[in-house]
Amino acid sequence: MPRHGAPSLPVERARRRAPDVRRARRRLAVGLLGAGALAATLLTAVVTPAAPPPPDRGPGATSSDVAQLSRD
C-alpha cells in the first residue's frame, strides 16, 4: 500500500505537471502573439506600399485633404 502523500501512479504525477505545462504553453503563446504584433507594427511603419501614384497626380505630388468635385 502506498504511503500518504506519495503519488501511487504515474498518472497522478502527470496530473501534477499538467498545470505547469499549460502555463508554459500559455506563456509561449502570449510571447509569440506579442512578437507577431510587434513585427507587424514595425513592418507597417517601415515598409512603404508599392502602389502606383493616382492617375490624376504626378509622382511625388502631395495629396489634398479636400474632396474634389466630380466633373461628370
Protein backbone atom coordinates (compact mmCIF):
# COMPACT_ATOMS: atom_id res chain seq x y z
CA MET A 1 0.00 0.00 0.00
CA PRO A 2 1.42 3.45 -0.91
CA ARG A 3 2.44 5.91 1.76
CA HIS A 4 0.35 9.00 2.28
CA GLY A 5 1.45 11.98 0.20
CA ALA A 6 3.39 9.88 -2.28
CA PRO A 7 1.86 9.51 -5.75
CA SER A 8 0.92 5.91 -6.34
CA LEU A 9 0.62 6.03 -10.12
CA PRO A 10 2.43 7.86 -12.92
CA VAL A 11 -0.93 9.35 -13.87
CA GLU A 12 -1.03 11.29 -10.61
CA ARG A 13 2.43 12.68 -11.31
CA ALA A 14 1.28 13.72 -14.79
CA ARG A 15 -1.71 15.49 -13.28
CA ARG A 16 0.60 17.49 -11.06
CA ARG A 17 2.75 18.53 -14.01
CA ALA A 18 -0.19 19.42 -16.27
CA PRO A 19 -0.77 22.93 -14.87
CA ASP A 20 2.93 23.73 -15.30
CA VAL A 21 2.85 22.56 -18.91
CA ARG A 22 -0.32 24.56 -19.59
CA ARG A 23 1.18 27.65 -18.01
CA ALA A 24 4.32 27.28 -20.12
CA ARG A 25 2.24 26.87 -23.29
CA ARG A 26 0.18 29.95 -22.45
CA ARG A 27 3.32 31.99 -21.82
CA LEU A 28 4.77 30.83 -25.11
CA ALA A 29 1.54 31.69 -26.94
CA VAL A 30 1.44 35.15 -25.36
CA GLY A 31 5.08 35.73 -26.23
CA LEU A 32 4.60 34.67 -29.83
CA LEU A 33 1.47 36.80 -30.13
CA GLY A 34 3.30 39.82 -28.77
CA ALA A 35 6.28 39.25 -31.06
CA GLY A 36 3.97 38.92 -34.06
CA ALA A 37 2.11 42.12 -33.18
CA LEU A 38 5.38 43.98 -32.74
CA ALA A 39 6.72 42.67 -36.06
CA ALA A 40 3.51 43.66 -37.85
CA THR A 41 3.66 47.15 -36.34
CA LEU A 42 7.28 47.62 -37.34
CA LEU A 43 6.66 46.35 -40.86
CA THR A 44 3.69 48.67 -41.25
CA ALA A 45 5.77 51.64 -40.09
CA VAL A 46 8.88 50.85 -42.14
CA VAL A 47 7.72 49.31 -45.40
CA THR A 48 6.19 51.67 -47.95
CA PRO A 49 3.50 50.21 -50.16
CA ALA A 50 4.37 49.65 -53.79
CA ALA A 51 1.12 51.11 -55.06
CA PRO A 52 1.39 53.31 -58.14
CA PRO A 53 0.57 57.01 -57.82
CA PRO A 54 -3.03 58.01 -58.57
CA PRO A 55 -3.60 58.75 -62.26
CA ASP A 56 -4.62 62.38 -61.64
CA ARG A 57 -1.39 63.27 -59.78
CA GLY A 58 2.21 63.18 -60.75
CA PRO A 59 4.67 61.02 -58.85
CA GLY A 60 5.74 62.70 -55.62
CA ALA A 61 2.89 65.18 -55.58
CA THR A 62 1.19 65.70 -52.27
CA SER A 63 -2.46 64.84 -51.93
CA SER A 64 -5.01 67.27 -50.63
CA ASP A 65 -7.34 66.79 -47.69
CA VAL A 66 -10.21 68.49 -49.50
CA ALA A 67 -12.55 66.37 -51.59
CA GLN A 68 -12.59 67.25 -55.27
CA LEU A 69 -15.77 67.87 -57.19
CA SER A 70 -16.76 65.39 -59.81
CA ARG A 71 -16.94 66.89 -63.32
CA ASP A 72 -19.47 64.35 -64.61
